Amino acid sequence: CTSSAPVSDLEMAGKNVSSPEEEISYKFARNLAAGTMCGCVVVMTFNPLDCLRIRWQVERTHNSASLLDFSQKIVKKEGFWGGLWRPGLYANGAAASISVGTRMGIYPF
């Protein structure tokens, strides 16, 4: 059974749509939440590479033959979590979540 009437996102989610403003606020909240989660996932995934890049750039002497050797020395000395993942994770995550969440939330409007 098909219907020719357009169905809104709220109606598909089982919510009663009382006004267009309510539907707009629902879409904004949904996009804002999706963007915030996207920012968190990106930062959680790529923070070790970002941290490694920054530590490689500020290292005064490169005793390591390659970036791979440099990263292995950090992991052996400080551990993967403490040496590459944790530094800057919270600040970078907060900044990216706010930035991406806001852009994704506002973009359709």
Protein backbone atom coordinates (compact mmCIF):
# COMPACT_ATOMS: atom_id res chain seq x y z
CA CYS A 1 0.00 0.00 0.00
CA THR A 2 1.62 3.28 -1.06
CA SER A 3 0.67 6.80 -0.26
CA SER A 4 1.28 9.81 -2.46
CA ALA A 5 1.38 12.24 0.48
CA PRO A 6 4.89 13.23 1.60
CA VAL A 7 5.92 11.91 5.00
CA SER A 8 8.13 14.01 7.26
CA ASP A 9 11.01 12.76 9.39
CA LEU A 10 8.95 13.20 12.54
CA GLU A 11 6.07 11.18 11.17
CA MET A 12 8.47 8.42 10.15
CA ALA A 13 9.86 8.39 13.70
CA GLY A 14 6.33 7.97 15.08
CA LYS A 15 6.06 11.52 16.39
CA ASN A 16 3.06 13.73 15.85
CA VAL A 17 3.94 16.82 13.86
CA SER A 18 2.10 19.80 15.22
CA SER A 19 3.94 22.57 13.40
CA PRO A 20 6.68 23.24 10.85
CA GLU A 21 8.75 24.88 13.59
CA GLU A 22 8.70 21.64 15.57
CA GLU A 23 9.93 19.71 12.55
CA ILE A 24 12.73 22.23 11.94
CA SER A 25 13.87 22.05 15.56
CA TYR A 26 13.84 18.23 15.37
CA LYS A 27 15.97 18.27 12.20
CA PHE A 28 18.37 20.79 13.74
CA ALA A 29 18.77 18.70 16.90
CA ARG A 30 19.26 15.52 14.87
CA ASN A 31 21.90 17.14 12.63
CA LEU A 32 23.62 18.73 15.61
CA ALA A 33 23.84 15.39 17.42
CA ALA A 34 25.06 13.58 14.30
CA GLY A 35 27.73 16.21 13.65
CA THR A 36 28.91 16.15 17.25
CA MET A 37 29.22 12.36 17.20
CA CYS A 38 31.04 12.54 13.86
CA GLY A 39 33.54 15.02 15.32
CA CYS A 40 34.12 12.76 18.31
CA VAL A 41 34.70 9.69 16.15
CA VAL A 42 37.15 11.50 13.89
CA VAL A 43 39.19 12.83 16.81
CA MET A 44 39.16 9.49 18.64
CA THR A 45 40.37 7.77 15.47
CA PHE A 46 43.04 10.16 14.26
CA ASN A 47 44.36 11.76 17.48
CA PRO A 48 47.34 9.35 17.67
CA LEU A 49 48.47 10.38 14.18
CA ASP A 50 47.98 14.06 14.99
CA CYS A 51 49.92 13.70 18.24
CA LEU A 52 52.72 11.80 16.45
CA ARG A 53 52.91 14.48 13.75
CA ILE A 54 53.20 17.27 16.32
CA ARG A 55 55.80 15.43 18.41
CA TRP A 56 57.83 14.69 15.26
CA GLN A 57 57.74 18.37 14.26
CA VAL A 58 58.88 19.71 17.64
CA GLU A 59 61.61 17.10 18.15
CA ARG A 60 64.91 18.96 18.00
CA THR A 61 67.09 16.04 17.01
CA HIS A 62 65.83 13.20 14.89
CA ASN A 63 67.87 10.29 16.18
CA SER A 64 65.36 7.95 14.59
CA ALA A 65 65.83 6.79 11.03
CA SER A 66 62.14 7.16 10.23
CA LEU A 67 58.79 8.24 11.57
CA LEU A 68 57.99 4.59 12.26
CA ASP A 69 61.11 4.24 14.45
CA PHE A 70 60.20 7.47 16.22
CA SER A 71 56.68 6.22 16.97
CA GLN A 72 57.98 2.85 18.19
CA LYS A 73 60.32 4.60 20.63
CA ILE A 74 57.43 6.65 22.02
CA VAL A 75 55.21 3.59 22.42
CA LYS A 76 58.01 1.62 24.15
CA LYS A 77 58.84 4.49 26.50
CA GLU A 78 55.38 5.95 27.28
CA GLY A 79 52.89 3.39 26.00
CA PHE A 80 50.37 3.81 23.20
CA TRP A 81 47.68 5.40 25.37
CA GLY A 82 49.94 7.75 27.33
CA GLY A 83 52.32 8.60 24.52
CA LEU A 84 50.13 8.98 21.47
CA TRP A 85 46.43 8.72 22.19
CA ARG A 86 45.71 10.61 25.40
CA PRO A 87 47.69 13.85 24.86
CA GLY A 88 45.32 16.47 23.51
CA LEU A 89 42.42 14.04 23.17
CA TYR A 90 39.93 15.91 25.36
CA ALA A 91 40.71 19.41 24.10
CA ASN A 92 40.85 18.30 20.47
CA GLY A 93 37.65 16.27 20.91
CA ALA A 94 35.77 19.18 22.45
CA ALA A 95 36.92 21.61 19.76
CA ALA A 96 36.12 19.26 16.87
CA SER A 97 32.76 18.24 18.34
CA ILE A 98 31.63 21.83 18.75
CA SER A 99 32.94 22.87 15.34
CA VAL A 100 31.64 19.91 13.34
CA GLY A 101 28.41 19.70 15.32
CA THR A 102 27.62 23.35 14.71
CA ARG A 103 28.47 23.20 11.01
CA MET A 104 26.46 20.02 10.45
CA GLY A 105 23.56 21.30 12.56
CA ILE A 106 23.27 24.62 10.76
CA TYR A 107 24.18 23.49 7.23
CA PRO A 108 20.69 22.50 5.98
CA PHE A 109 19.19 25.79 7.11
